Amino acid sequence: MVTFKIECLTCTGCKVVVRLLLSPKTIVVSRLSANCKDSWHVMSCGVADAPSCRSSGVSVVGAARGESVVIVCEVDADPPAAVFKWKFNNSGETLDVAADRYTSNGSASSLKYTPVADLDYGTLSCSASNEVGAQLAPCVFQMVAAGKPHAPRNCTLWNQTAESVEVSCVAGFDGGLPQRFLLEVYSDSAVPRVNLSSDEPSWTVRGLEWDVRHRLVAVAFNSKGRSAPARLDDVLFRDPEKRTGWWLSPLNTITRHLSTIINSPLKHTSAGTRL
């Protein structure tokens, strides 16, 4: 909806907001004082909107039994929202949430919610209204029973070269919430030298020092915290030059012995010629 701010030219302070637009060139002006009917002009105009949810889609909120969470419902509205209302729905019924359980301002409403039984998990919805009208589609929050995720399992190392190694695991239970995965690389301290995060439990590790034994730990995490660690086999990258020297040393020894035999003078005896 388009709004106009009107200024009266024949008196001071005679301003009115007009909310009716008949066409791009025609507006209907109402509530003007009698001495301002024929002497006014438009100072400014803008767009007024009923509230709408700031985030799209359904937001997933996880909480364990007895755990309190604060759910924030944010809306875009011009003018600001005057009234917020919350509802709760599970498979059995829809209930209005008492107004004293949430606080609101012009752009957001906050509800503190504590599930204590299975029936307390379901859908919370929030809607607002202002001078323009009521919110058409509510903001929706899906309450789920949630906790920390389980550790990744069946972790393996493969495709190891002198420079890198591939790490793959199988994801465990996500705890009821979206989870991500983290691979930590340790050497000689309790602080990880490398942290690699991923949406899937697979990583490529590269750029580590040669001839240093590295310990790998894989974990899953969500908004409730980290899983227990999944321990992997240690990784050791050999220095290519040292590995080359290890192979060449015996070969050089054999070559020297052969050279000595081939180049040694022949010895003659009465039984014939022999080395």
Protein backbone atom coordinates (compact mmCIF):
# COMPACT_ATOMS: atom_id res chain seq x y z
CA MET A 1 0.00 0.00 0.00
CA VAL A 2 1.29 3.49 -0.89
CA THR A 3 1.16 6.27 1.72
CA PHE A 4 1.34 10.02 1.19
CA LYS A 5 2.22 12.74 3.68
CA ILE A 6 0.19 15.86 3.03
CA GLU A 7 1.04 19.46 4.05
CA CYS A 8 -1.62 22.16 4.29
CA LEU A 9 -0.48 25.48 2.82
CA THR A 10 -2.88 27.66 4.77
CA CYS A 11 -2.09 26.50 8.31
CA THR A 12 0.77 25.11 10.33
CA GLY A 13 0.90 21.46 11.37
CA CYS A 14 -2.06 20.35 9.20
CA LYS A 15 -0.64 17.05 7.97
CA VAL A 16 -2.42 13.81 7.26
CA VAL A 17 -1.43 10.38 5.97
CA VAL A 18 -3.53 9.22 3.04
CA ARG A 19 -3.78 5.47 2.42
CA LEU A 20 -6.04 5.29 -0.63
CA LEU A 21 -4.61 5.33 -4.14
CA LEU A 22 -7.18 5.23 -6.95
CA SER A 23 -4.71 5.48 -9.81
CA PRO A 24 -1.11 6.60 -10.37
CA LYS A 25 -2.43 10.18 -10.87
CA THR A 26 -5.42 10.28 -8.55
CA ILE A 27 -5.43 10.16 -4.76
CA VAL A 28 -8.30 10.60 -2.35
CA VAL A 29 -7.47 12.92 0.53
CA SER A 30 -9.50 12.64 3.72
CA ARG A 31 -9.48 14.07 7.23
CA LEU A 32 -8.22 17.50 6.16
CA SER A 33 -9.29 20.50 8.24
CA ALA A 34 -11.94 22.77 6.69
CA ASN A 35 -9.59 25.66 5.90
CA CYS A 36 -7.16 23.28 4.15
CA LYS A 37 -9.53 21.65 1.65
CA ASP A 38 -8.28 23.53 -1.40
CA SER A 39 -4.72 24.35 -0.40
CA TRP A 40 -2.40 21.36 0.14
CA HIS A 41 0.42 19.48 -1.55
CA VAL A 42 2.14 16.10 -1.19
CA MET A 43 5.34 16.30 0.84
CA SER A 44 6.46 12.68 0.49
CA CYS A 45 5.20 9.21 -0.22
CA GLY A 46 6.26 5.72 0.76
CA VAL A 47 5.15 2.11 0.88
CA ALA A 48 3.28 0.67 3.84
CA ASP A 49 3.09 -3.09 4.32
CA ALA A 50 1.38 -5.56 6.58
CA PRO A 51 3.84 -7.71 8.56
CA SER A 52 5.60 -10.58 6.81
CA CYS A 53 7.99 -13.19 8.20
CA ARG A 54 11.63 -12.14 7.80
CA SER A 55 12.88 -15.70 7.26
CA SER A 56 11.28 -18.07 4.77
CA GLY A 57 10.42 -21.71 5.35
CA VAL A 58 10.13 -23.67 8.58
CA SER A 59 12.81 -23.15 11.23
CA VAL A 60 13.80 -26.28 13.18
CA VAL A 61 14.34 -25.76 16.91
CA GLY A 62 15.76 -28.61 18.97
CA ALA A 63 15.40 -29.03 22.70
CA ALA A 64 15.70 -31.89 25.17
CA ARG A 65 12.98 -32.52 27.73
CA GLY A 66 13.18 -29.90 30.45
CA GLU A 67 15.46 -27.66 28.38
CA SER A 68 14.32 -24.06 27.89
CA VAL A 69 14.88 -22.38 24.53
CA VAL A 70 14.11 -18.83 23.41
CA ILE A 71 12.42 -18.64 20.01
CA VAL A 72 12.57 -15.29 18.23
CA CYS A 73 9.94 -14.42 15.62
CA GLU A 74 11.12 -11.54 13.39
CA VAL A 75 8.89 -9.71 10.91
CA ASP A 76 9.23 -6.91 8.38
CA ALA A 77 6.47 -4.34 8.73
CA ASP A 78 5.83 -0.66 7.92
CA PRO A 79 4.51 0.76 10.15
CA PRO A 80 5.90 -1.48 12.91
CA ALA A 81 3.84 -4.41 14.12
CA ALA A 82 1.46 -3.53 16.95
CA VAL A 83 0.31 -7.00 18.01
CA PHE A 84 1.91 -10.47 18.00
CA LYS A 85 0.15 -13.77 18.58
CA TRP A 86 1.62 -17.26 19.09
CA LYS A 87 -0.02 -20.66 18.56
CA PHE A 88 1.08 -24.22 19.30
CA ASN A 89 -0.02 -27.23 17.30
CA ASN A 90 0.68 -30.92 17.75
CA SER A 91 -1.04 -33.91 16.22
CA GLY A 92 -3.96 -33.49 18.59
CA GLU A 93 -4.92 -29.82 18.89
CA THR A 94 -4.07 -26.16 18.29
CA LEU A 95 -3.66 -23.88 21.31
CA ASP A 96 -3.19 -20.13 21.74
CA VAL A 97 -0.07 -19.28 23.72
CA ALA A 98 -0.78 -16.96 26.65
CA ALA A 99 0.42 -13.41 26.05
CA ASP A 100 2.35 -13.31 29.32
CA ARG A 101 4.68 -16.04 28.01
CA TYR A 102 6.26 -13.87 25.31
CA THR A 103 7.57 -10.34 24.86
CA SER A 104 7.25 -8.22 21.74
CA ASN A 105 8.43 -5.03 20.12
CA GLY A 106 7.81 -3.51 16.69
CA SER A 107 9.82 -6.06 14.71
CA ALA A 108 10.18 -9.18 16.85
CA SER A 109 8.55 -11.34 19.50
CA SER A 110 10.43 -13.71 21.83
CA LEU A 111 8.91 -16.83 23.37
CA LYS A 112 10.61 -18.92 26.06
CA TYR A 113 9.54 -22.52 25.58
CA THR A 114 10.26 -25.60 27.68
CA PRO A 115 9.06 -29.03 26.47
CA VAL A 116 8.48 -31.49 29.30
CA ALA A 117 6.60 -34.31 27.53
CA ASP A 118 6.23 -35.84 24.08
CA LEU A 119 3.06 -33.81 23.43
CA ASP A 120 5.08 -30.60 23.89
CA TYR A 121 6.89 -31.25 20.60
CA GLY A 122 5.09 -29.91 17.57
CA THR A 123 4.73 -26.66 15.63
CA LEU A 124 4.85 -23.13 17.03
CA SER A 125 3.62 -20.31 14.82
CA CYS A 126 3.81 -16.55 15.24
CA SER A 127 1.90 -13.84 13.37
CA ALA A 128 1.69 -10.05 13.71
CA SER A 129 -0.53 -7.18 12.61
CA ASN A 130 -0.20 -3.42 12.17
CA GLU A 131 -2.31 -0.52 10.86
CA VAL A 132 -2.20 -1.90 7.32
CA GLY A 133 -3.45 -5.36 8.21
CA ALA A 134 -2.66 -8.82 9.55
CA GLN A 135 0.21 -11.06 8.51
CA LEU A 136 -0.94 -13.43 5.75
CA ALA A 137 1.43 -16.35 6.43
CA PRO A 138 2.78 -16.97 9.95
CA CYS A 139 6.40 -17.65 10.89
CA VAL A 140 6.66 -21.36 11.66
CA PHE A 141 9.00 -23.15 14.08
CA GLN A 142 9.19 -26.95 14.30
CA MET A 143 10.02 -28.13 17.82
CA VAL A 144 11.95 -31.42 17.84
CA ALA A 145 13.51 -33.55 20.56
CA ALA A 146 17.22 -32.96 20.14
CA GLY A 147 20.65 -33.48 21.65
CA LYS A 148 24.27 -33.84 20.65
CA PRO A 149 24.98 -35.97 17.57
CA HIS A 150 26.53 -39.41 17.68
CA ALA A 151 30.17 -39.88 16.63
CA PRO A 152 31.04 -40.71 13.01
CA ARG A 153 31.75 -44.43 12.47
CA ASN A 154 33.64 -46.78 10.14
CA CYS A 155 36.32 -44.16 9.48
CA THR A 156 39.03 -45.19 7.01
CA LEU A 157 42.18 -43.76 5.48
CA TRP A 158 42.77 -44.35 1.80
CA ASN A 159 44.59 -43.08 -1.28
CA GLN A 160 47.62 -41.99 0.74
CA THR A 161 50.49 -40.40 -1.19
CA ALA A 162 53.64 -38.58 -0.14
CA GLU A 163 51.62 -35.36 0.07
CA SER A 164 48.05 -36.22 1.09
CA VAL A 165 45.57 -38.79 2.38
CA GLU A 166 41.80 -39.20 2.02
CA VAL A 167 39.62 -39.70 5.13
CA SER A 168 36.06 -41.06 4.96
CA CYS A 169 33.53 -41.89 7.68
CA VAL A 170 29.86 -42.83 7.94
CA ALA A 171 27.61 -40.26 9.62
CA GLY A 172 25.95 -41.24 12.89
CA PHE A 173 22.62 -40.05 14.31
CA ASP A 174 22.38 -36.26 13.97
CA GLY A 175 20.73 -35.70 17.35
CA GLY A 176 17.55 -34.46 15.68
CA LEU A 177 19.24 -31.34 14.26
CA PRO A 178 21.33 -30.49 11.18
CA GLN A 179 24.90 -31.59 11.77
CA ARG A 180 28.32 -30.90 10.30
CA PHE A 181 31.62 -32.71 10.66
CA LEU A 182 35.10 -31.77 11.84
CA LEU A 183 38.47 -33.49 11.38
CA GLU A 184 41.21 -32.47 13.80
CA VAL A 185 44.89 -33.22 13.22
CA TYR A 186 47.24 -33.39 16.23
CA SER A 187 50.98 -33.98 16.48
CA ASP A 188 52.87 -33.27 19.69
CA SER A 189 50.38 -31.06 21.59
CA ALA A 190 46.80 -31.01 22.81
CA VAL A 191 45.97 -28.21 20.37
CA PRO A 192 45.00 -29.38 16.86
CA ARG A 193 47.40 -28.27 14.14
CA VAL A 194 44.68 -28.50 11.49
CA ASN A 195 40.86 -28.19 11.64
CA LEU A 196 38.87 -29.26 8.59
CA SER A 197 35.07 -28.82 8.61
CA SER A 198 32.67 -30.31 6.09
CA ASP A 199 28.99 -30.94 5.43
CA GLU A 200 29.84 -34.60 4.84
CA PRO A 201 32.20 -36.84 6.89
CA SER A 202 34.97 -36.89 4.27
CA TRP A 203 38.14 -34.84 4.02
CA THR A 204 41.44 -34.52 2.15
CA VAL A 205 44.42 -33.94 4.44
CA ARG A 206 47.50 -32.37 2.87
CA GLY A 207 50.40 -30.08 3.65
CA LEU A 208 51.58 -31.86 6.82
CA GLU A 209 55.23 -32.23 7.84
CA TRP A 210 57.19 -35.29 6.73
CA ASP A 211 58.45 -37.85 9.22
CA VAL A 212 56.06 -36.64 11.95
CA ARG A 213 53.36 -38.94 13.27
CA HIS A 214 49.95 -37.24 13.18
CA ARG A 215 46.88 -38.28 15.14
CA LEU A 216 43.48 -37.82 13.49
CA VAL A 217 40.15 -37.32 15.29
CA ALA A 218 36.75 -37.01 13.60
CA VAL A 219 33.68 -35.52 15.34
CA ALA A 220 30.16 -34.43 14.44
CA PHE A 221 28.57 -31.28 15.83
CA ASN A 222 25.23 -29.48 15.82
CA SER A 223 23.73 -26.56 17.73
CA LYS A 224 23.71 -28.67 20.92
CA GLY A 225 27.43 -29.46 20.86
CA ARG A 226 30.02 -32.02 19.72
CA SER A 227 29.84 -35.77 19.53
CA ALA A 228 32.29 -38.14 21.15
CA PRO A 229 35.50 -38.40 19.07
CA ALA A 230 36.05 -41.11 16.50
CA ARG A 231 39.71 -42.13 16.58
CA LEU A 232 41.48 -42.99 13.34
CA ASP A 233 44.82 -44.58 12.54
CA ASP A 234 47.86 -42.33 12.82
CA VAL A 235 49.30 -40.86 9.64
CA LEU A 236 53.01 -40.62 8.81
CA PHE A 237 54.26 -38.98 5.63
CA ARG A 238 57.78 -40.10 4.67
CA ASP A 239 60.29 -37.64 3.27
CA PRO A 240 60.60 -38.58 -0.45
CA GLU A 241 64.33 -37.82 -0.49
CA LYS A 242 65.00 -40.10 2.46
CA ARG A 243 62.90 -42.82 0.91
CA THR A 244 64.88 -42.49 -2.33
CA GLY A 245 68.16 -42.71 -0.43
CA TRP A 246 66.97 -45.83 1.38
CA TRP A 247 66.41 -47.58 -1.95
CA LEU A 248 69.63 -46.33 -3.59
CA SER A 249 72.02 -47.21 -0.77
CA PRO A 250 71.90 -51.04 -1.27
CA LEU A 251 71.95 -50.54 -5.02
CA ASN A 252 75.09 -48.44 -4.83
CA THR A 253 76.77 -51.10 -2.69
CA ILE A 254 75.97 -53.83 -5.21
CA THR A 255 77.18 -51.65 -8.07
CA ARG A 256 80.51 -51.02 -6.34
CA HIS A 257 81.04 -54.75 -5.74
CA LEU A 258 80.29 -55.58 -9.37
CA SER A 259 82.64 -52.86 -10.55
CA THR A 260 85.42 -54.25 -8.35
CA ILE A 261 84.95 -57.78 -9.68
CA ILE A 262 84.80 -56.71 -13.32
CA ASN A 263 87.84 -54.43 -13.10
CA SER A 264 90.07 -56.76 -11.00
CA PRO A 265 93.16 -58.28 -12.90
CA LEU A 266 93.04 -61.94 -14.01
CA LYS A 267 95.22 -64.44 -12.10
CA HIS A 268 96.88 -67.29 -14.09
CA THR A 269 97.54 -70.68 -12.52
CA SER A 270 98.71 -73.97 -13.85
CA ALA A 271 95.15 -75.24 -13.76
CA GLY A 272 94.00 -72.45 -16.04
CA THR A 273 92.73 -68.95 -15.84
CA ARG A 274 90.49 -67.88 -13.09
CA LEU A 275 89.54 -64.80 -11.24
